[in-house]
Amino acid sequence: MGVINGQTIKIADHGEIQVLSYAGLLDYHNGDAIWGLSVAFRALQLAASLFSRESLWDRKDLFIVSNHPGPGVRDAIEYVTHCISHNRFRLTEEIKHEEKCTSTMKFEWRIDYGIHTHVINLRDNFVPNEFYELLDRLHTDQERLDDKKNFNEFKILLAKKIWREPITSSYLVNNNAVKDSLKECINA
């Protein structure tokens, strides 16, 4: 189907084909969550490939459970799938009350498309521990003078890395059983 093509995603919207670009997502976002935008957009490119083997996937049949609530992740999901605005998006139980991003959150999504489900997660060790250490220090009394600057630079480096590396080596896909962390979602 050719749905992974550079920095675009093809998806149907009630039968109408949409070609969405990463550049369009950057315009849509209005923030600085470059890493969240990139990691989620690439995961959705992989989902597009998985769900479009026979015919192009369609927004009307999608439901997403996310194990990461960040604004970049959420904006990428909404921009591509419209799941948030159509109330077909949930956060996992363990993060639904989190106020800020932390190292305990995972870049992991369960994506349901009709009768098919894929769990897509960023491979272990893609993100260095130093990134998570910075993240956990921000907005605490342990925050250091250069932490915000270093964290923002780290986000840019990770975003570049996710685009540079092959998508199939950056993510793992488990379509046999839903991972424990994604079994429970809120129904609100």
C-alpha atoms as a PDB file:
ATOM      1  CA  MET A   1       0.000   0.000   0.000  1.00  0.00           C
ATOM      2  CA  GLY A   2       3.011   2.325   0.282  1.00  0.00           C
ATOM      3  CA  VAL A   3       1.803   3.971   3.479  1.00  0.00           C
ATOM      4  CA  ILE A   4       5.311   4.477   4.881  1.00  0.00           C
ATOM      5  CA  ASN A   5       6.799   7.041   2.573  1.00  0.00           C
ATOM      6  CA  GLY A   6       9.311   9.436   4.057  1.00  0.00           C
ATOM      7  CA  GLN A   7       7.456  11.686   6.436  1.00  0.00           C
ATOM      8  CA  THR A   8       3.854  11.045   5.420  1.00  0.00           C
ATOM      9  CA  ILE A   9       1.005   8.752   6.413  1.00  0.00           C
ATOM     10  CA  LYS A  10      -1.930   7.727   4.265  1.00  0.00           C
ATOM     11  CA  ILE A  11      -5.227   7.099   6.012  1.00  0.00           C
ATOM     12  CA  ALA A  12      -8.822   7.042   4.867  1.00  0.00           C
ATOM     13  CA  ASP A  13     -11.436   9.234   6.506  1.00  0.00           C
ATOM     14  CA  HIS A  14     -14.747   7.514   5.817  1.00  0.00           C
ATOM     15  CA  GLY A  15     -13.371   6.394   2.454  1.00  0.00           C
ATOM     16  CA  GLU A  16     -11.665   9.684   1.509  1.00  0.00           C
ATOM     17  CA  ILE A  17      -7.879   9.292   1.266  1.00  0.00           C
ATOM     18  CA  GLN A  18      -5.841  11.689   3.415  1.00  0.00           C
ATOM     19  CA  VAL A  19      -2.092  12.125   2.994  1.00  0.00           C
ATOM     20  CA  LEU A  20      -0.764  13.611   6.210  1.00  0.00           C
ATOM     21  CA  SER A  21       2.736  14.986   6.558  1.00  0.00           C
ATOM     22  CA  TYR A  22       5.000  15.366   9.537  1.00  0.00           C
ATOM     23  CA  ALA A  23       5.407  19.023   8.522  1.00  0.00           C
ATOM     24  CA  GLY A  24       1.628  19.387   8.838  1.00  0.00           C
ATOM     25  CA  LEU A  25       1.802  17.847  12.308  1.00  0.00           C
ATOM     26  CA  LEU A  26       4.450  20.395  13.326  1.00  0.00           C
ATOM     27  CA  ASP A  27       2.092  23.196  12.201  1.00  0.00           C
ATOM     28  CA  TYR A  28      -0.831  21.573  14.033  1.00  0.00           C
ATOM     29  CA  HIS A  29       1.050  21.147  17.328  1.00  0.00           C
ATOM     30  CA  ASN A  30       1.815  24.701  18.517  1.00  0.00           C
ATOM     31  CA  GLY A  31       4.370  23.594  21.077  1.00  0.00           C
ATOM     32  CA  ASP A  32       7.843  22.195  21.639  1.00  0.00           C
ATOM     33  CA  ALA A  33       7.126  18.488  22.157  1.00  0.00           C
ATOM     34  CA  ILE A  34       9.222  17.517  19.130  1.00  0.00           C
ATOM     35  CA  TRP A  35      10.202  14.134  20.545  1.00  0.00           C
ATOM     36  CA  GLY A  36       6.631  13.142  21.406  1.00  0.00           C
ATOM     37  CA  LEU A  37       5.440  14.222  17.966  1.00  0.00           C
ATOM     38  CA  SER A  38       8.173  12.243  16.230  1.00  0.00           C
ATOM     39  CA  VAL A  39       7.948   9.022  18.235  1.00  0.00           C
ATOM     40  CA  ALA A  40       4.153   8.848  17.944  1.00  0.00           C
ATOM     41  CA  PHE A  41       4.051   9.803  14.247  1.00  0.00           C
ATOM     42  CA  ARG A  42       6.594   7.082  13.428  1.00  0.00           C
ATOM     43  CA  ALA A  43       4.617   4.539  15.483  1.00  0.00           C
ATOM     44  CA  LEU A  44       1.507   5.520  13.530  1.00  0.00           C
ATOM     45  CA  GLN A  45       3.412   5.088  10.268  1.00  0.00           C
ATOM     46  CA  LEU A  46       4.151   1.536  11.369  1.00  0.00           C
ATOM     47  CA  ALA A  47       0.501   1.022  12.353  1.00  0.00           C
ATOM     48  CA  ALA A  48      -0.562   2.302   8.928  1.00  0.00           C
ATOM     49  CA  SER A  49       1.653  -0.284   7.302  1.00  0.00           C
ATOM     50  CA  LEU A  50       0.327  -3.095   9.491  1.00  0.00           C
ATOM     51  CA  PHE A  51      -3.348  -2.231   9.089  1.00  0.00           C
ATOM     52  CA  SER A  52      -3.210  -1.360   5.378  1.00  0.00           C
ATOM     53  CA  ARG A  53      -2.022  -4.662   3.991  1.00  0.00           C
ATOM     54  CA  GLU A  54      -5.305  -5.411   2.213  1.00  0.00           C
ATOM     55  CA  SER A  55      -6.829  -1.948   1.993  1.00  0.00           C
ATOM     56  CA  LEU A  56      -6.044   1.486   3.378  1.00  0.00           C
ATOM     57  CA  TRP A  57      -6.882   1.819   7.081  1.00  0.00           C
ATOM     58  CA  ASP A  58      -9.756   4.160   7.951  1.00  0.00           C
ATOM     59  CA  ARG A  59     -10.140   6.574  10.867  1.00  0.00           C
ATOM     60  CA  LYS A  60     -13.686   5.435  11.569  1.00  0.00           C
ATOM     61  CA  ASP A  61     -12.553   1.992  12.753  1.00  0.00           C
ATOM     62  CA  LEU A  62      -9.666   3.003  15.066  1.00  0.00           C
ATOM     63  CA  PHE A  63      -9.366   2.950  18.861  1.00  0.00           C
ATOM     64  CA  ILE A  64      -6.104   3.759  20.679  1.00  0.00           C
ATOM     65  CA  VAL A  65      -4.923   3.128  24.231  1.00  0.00           C
ATOM     66  CA  SER A  66      -1.763   5.059  25.062  1.00  0.00           C
ATOM     67  CA  ASN A  67       0.749   4.522  27.813  1.00  0.00           C
ATOM     68  CA  HIS A  68       2.045   8.070  27.347  1.00  0.00           C
ATOM     69  CA  PRO A  69      -0.046  11.226  27.904  1.00  0.00           C
ATOM     70  CA  GLY A  70       2.433  13.815  26.584  1.00  0.00           C
ATOM     71  CA  PRO A  71       1.154  16.666  24.405  1.00  0.00           C
ATOM     72  CA  GLY A  72       3.280  15.665  21.413  1.00  0.00           C
ATOM     73  CA  VAL A  73       2.061  12.069  21.536  1.00  0.00           C
ATOM     74  CA  ARG A  74      -1.555  13.176  21.919  1.00  0.00           C
ATOM     75  CA  ASP A  75      -1.319  15.721  19.094  1.00  0.00           C
ATOM     76  CA  ALA A  76       0.208  13.158  16.727  1.00  0.00           C
ATOM     77  CA  ILE A  77      -2.564  10.677  17.537  1.00  0.00           C
ATOM     78  CA  GLU A  78      -5.279  13.273  17.057  1.00  0.00           C
ATOM     79  CA  TYR A  79      -3.752  14.708  13.873  1.00  0.00           C
ATOM     80  CA  VAL A  80      -3.510  11.299  12.211  1.00  0.00           C
ATOM     81  CA  THR A  81      -6.454   9.340  13.613  1.00  0.00           C
ATOM     82  CA  HIS A  82      -8.933  11.821  15.178  1.00  0.00           C
ATOM     83  CA  CYS A  83      -9.366   9.228  17.944  1.00  0.00           C
ATOM     84  CA  ILE A  84      -9.214  11.806  20.731  1.00  0.00           C
ATOM     85  CA  SER A  85     -11.902  14.108  19.338  1.00  0.00           C
ATOM     86  CA  HIS A  86     -14.099  11.105  18.502  1.00  0.00           C
ATOM     87  CA  ASN A  87     -13.752   9.629  22.017  1.00  0.00           C
ATOM     88  CA  ARG A  88     -11.878   6.535  20.827  1.00  0.00           C
ATOM     89  CA  PHE A  89      -8.731   7.231  22.853  1.00  0.00           C
ATOM     90  CA  ARG A  90      -7.849   6.225  26.402  1.00  0.00           C
ATOM     91  CA  LEU A  91      -4.842   6.368  28.685  1.00  0.00           C
ATOM     92  CA  THR A  92      -3.753   3.294  30.591  1.00  0.00           C
ATOM     93  CA  GLU A  93      -4.878   2.965  34.187  1.00  0.00           C
ATOM     94  CA  GLU A  94      -1.396   3.546  35.587  1.00  0.00           C
ATOM     95  CA  ILE A  95      -0.902   6.942  33.951  1.00  0.00           C
ATOM     96  CA  LYS A  96      -4.404   8.384  33.675  1.00  0.00           C
ATOM     97  CA  HIS A  97      -3.857  10.652  36.715  1.00  0.00           C
ATOM     98  CA  GLU A  98      -0.266  11.697  36.007  1.00  0.00           C
ATOM     99  CA  GLU A  99       0.263  15.449  35.915  1.00  0.00           C
ATOM    100  CA  LYS A 100       3.556  15.399  33.992  1.00  0.00           C
ATOM    101  CA  CYS A 101       5.652  13.030  31.925  1.00  0.00           C
ATOM    102  CA  THR A 102       7.910  10.723  33.958  1.00  0.00           C
ATOM    103  CA  SER A 103      10.384   7.926  33.363  1.00  0.00           C
ATOM    104  CA  THR A 104       7.768   5.333  34.326  1.00  0.00           C
ATOM    105  CA  MET A 105       5.691   6.077  31.240  1.00  0.00           C
ATOM    106  CA  LYS A 106       6.245   4.027  28.138  1.00  0.00           C
ATOM    107  CA  PHE A 107       6.143   4.860  24.475  1.00  0.00           C
ATOM    108  CA  GLU A 108       3.604   2.117  23.925  1.00  0.00           C
ATOM    109  CA  TRP A 109       0.235   2.025  22.215  1.00  0.00           C
ATOM    110  CA  ARG A 110      -2.485  -0.556  21.684  1.00  0.00           C
ATOM    111  CA  ILE A 111      -4.184   0.209  18.412  1.00  0.00           C
ATOM    112  CA  ASP A 112      -7.442  -1.534  17.595  1.00  0.00           C
ATOM    113  CA  TYR A 113      -8.647  -1.474  14.030  1.00  0.00           C
ATOM    114  CA  GLY A 114     -11.851  -3.408  13.588  1.00  0.00           C
ATOM    115  CA  ILE A 115     -11.099  -6.959  14.734  1.00  0.00           C
ATOM    116  CA  HIS A 116      -7.320  -6.480  14.527  1.00  0.00           C
ATOM    117  CA  THR A 117      -5.084  -5.255  17.355  1.00  0.00           C
ATOM    118  CA  HIS A 118      -1.422  -4.370  17.400  1.00  0.00           C
ATOM    119  CA  VAL A 119       0.631  -3.272  20.388  1.00  0.00           C
ATOM    120  CA  ILE A 120       3.454  -1.042  19.220  1.00  0.00           C
ATOM    121  CA  ASN A 121       6.190   0.031  21.575  1.00  0.00           C
ATOM    122  CA  LEU A 122       9.499   1.776  21.232  1.00  0.00           C
ATOM    123  CA  ARG A 123      12.290  -0.730  21.698  1.00  0.00           C
ATOM    124  CA  ASP A 124      14.075  -0.856  25.030  1.00  0.00           C
ATOM    125  CA  ASN A 125      17.155   1.323  25.315  1.00  0.00           C
ATOM    126  CA  PHE A 126      16.190   3.517  22.366  1.00  0.00           C
ATOM    127  CA  VAL A 127      15.977   6.374  24.855  1.00  0.00           C
ATOM    128  CA  PRO A 128      19.093   6.650  27.053  1.00  0.00           C
ATOM    129  CA  ASN A 129      18.707   6.656  30.841  1.00  0.00           C
ATOM    130  CA  GLU A 130      20.146  10.194  30.957  1.00  0.00           C
ATOM    131  CA  PHE A 131      17.003  11.463  29.217  1.00  0.00           C
ATOM    132  CA  TYR A 132      14.785   9.930  31.895  1.00  0.00           C
ATOM    133  CA  GLU A 133      17.011  11.234  34.692  1.00  0.00           C
ATOM    134  CA  LEU A 134      16.641  14.753  33.295  1.00  0.00           C
ATOM    135  CA  LEU A 135      12.900  14.297  32.882  1.00  0.00           C
ATOM    136  CA  ASP A 136      12.422  13.180  36.473  1.00  0.00           C
ATOM    137  CA  ARG A 137      14.455  16.102  37.854  1.00  0.00           C
ATOM    138  CA  LEU A 138      12.539  18.791  35.960  1.00  0.00           C
ATOM    139  CA  HIS A 139      10.116  20.815  38.083  1.00  0.00           C
ATOM    140  CA  THR A 140      11.469  19.339  41.318  1.00  0.00           C
ATOM    141  CA  ASP A 141      13.817  20.703  43.939  1.00  0.00           C
ATOM    142  CA  GLN A 142      16.594  18.587  42.356  1.00  0.00           C
ATOM    143  CA  GLU A 143      16.370  20.478  39.055  1.00  0.00           C
ATOM    144  CA  ARG A 144      19.729  21.859  37.986  1.00  0.00           C
ATOM    145  CA  LEU A 145      20.393  25.128  36.214  1.00  0.00           C
ATOM    146  CA  ASP A 146      20.945  23.634  32.727  1.00  0.00           C
ATOM    147  CA  ASP A 147      18.393  20.799  32.954  1.00  0.00           C
ATOM    148  CA  LYS A 148      15.675  22.453  30.829  1.00  0.00           C
ATOM    149  CA  LYS A 149      18.155  23.412  28.122  1.00  0.00           C
ATOM    150  CA  ASN A 150      19.732  19.937  28.151  1.00  0.00           C
ATOM    151  CA  PHE A 151      16.322  18.263  28.097  1.00  0.00           C
ATOM    152  CA  ASN A 152      15.201  20.292  25.080  1.00  0.00           C
ATOM    153  CA  GLU A 153      18.420  19.448  23.250  1.00  0.00           C
ATOM    154  CA  PHE A 154      17.906  15.767  24.110  1.00  0.00           C
ATOM    155  CA  LYS A 155      14.372  15.858  22.646  1.00  0.00           C
ATOM    156  CA  ILE A 156      15.745  17.206  19.366  1.00  0.00           C
ATOM    157  CA  LEU A 157      18.466  14.534  19.252  1.00  0.00           C
ATOM    158  CA  LEU A 158      15.934  11.758  19.899  1.00  0.00           C
ATOM    159  CA  ALA A 159      13.594  13.145  17.243  1.00  0.00           C
ATOM    160  CA  LYS A 160      16.416  13.126  14.701  1.00  0.00           C
ATOM    161  CA  LYS A 161      17.347   9.578  15.735  1.00  0.00           C
ATOM    162  CA  ILE A 162      13.800   8.220  15.286  1.00  0.00           C
ATOM    163  CA  TRP A 163      13.734   9.575  11.724  1.00  0.00           C
ATOM    164  CA  ARG A 164      17.228   8.338  10.912  1.00  0.00           C
ATOM    165  CA  GLU A 165      16.827   4.730  12.081  1.00  0.00           C
ATOM    166  CA  PRO A 166      14.715   2.180  10.206  1.00  0.00           C
ATOM    167  CA  ILE A 167      11.186   2.084  11.580  1.00  0.00           C
ATOM    168  CA  THR A 168      11.230  -1.697  11.904  1.00  0.00           C
ATOM    169  CA  SER A 169      14.283  -1.638  14.174  1.00  0.00           C
ATOM    170  CA  SER A 170      12.986   1.236  16.327  1.00  0.00           C
ATOM    171  CA  TYR A 171       9.707  -0.379  17.374  1.00  0.00           C
ATOM    172  CA  LEU A 172       8.479  -3.763  18.502  1.00  0.00           C
ATOM    173  CA  VAL A 173       5.067  -5.087  17.511  1.00  0.00           C
ATOM    174  CA  ASN A 174       3.120  -7.613  19.540  1.00  0.00           C
ATOM    175  CA  ASN A 175      -0.094  -8.591  17.839  1.00  0.00           C
ATOM    176  CA  ASN A 176      -0.680 -11.883  19.640  1.00  0.00           C
ATOM    177  CA  ALA A 177      -1.492 -10.776  23.182  1.00  0.00           C
ATOM    178  CA  VAL A 178      -2.116  -7.380  24.659  1.00  0.00           C
ATOM    179  CA  LYS A 179       0.673  -6.405  27.048  1.00  0.00           C
ATOM    180  CA  ASP A 180      -0.321  -6.216  30.721  1.00  0.00           C
ATOM    181  CA  SER A 181       0.303  -2.474  30.826  1.00  0.00           C
ATOM    182  CA  LEU A 182      -2.331  -1.907  28.149  1.00  0.00           C
ATOM    183  CA  LYS A 183      -5.029  -4.334  29.326  1.00  0.00           C
ATOM    184  CA  GLU A 184      -6.755  -1.855  31.570  1.00  0.00           C
ATOM    185  CA  CYS A 185      -8.028   1.408  30.193  1.00  0.00           C
ATOM    186  CA  ILE A 186     -10.522   3.928  31.454  1.00  0.00           C
ATOM    187  CA  ASN A 187     -14.031   3.947  30.062  1.00  0.00           C
ATOM    188  CA  ALA A 188     -14.793   7.569  30.904  1.00  0.00           C
END
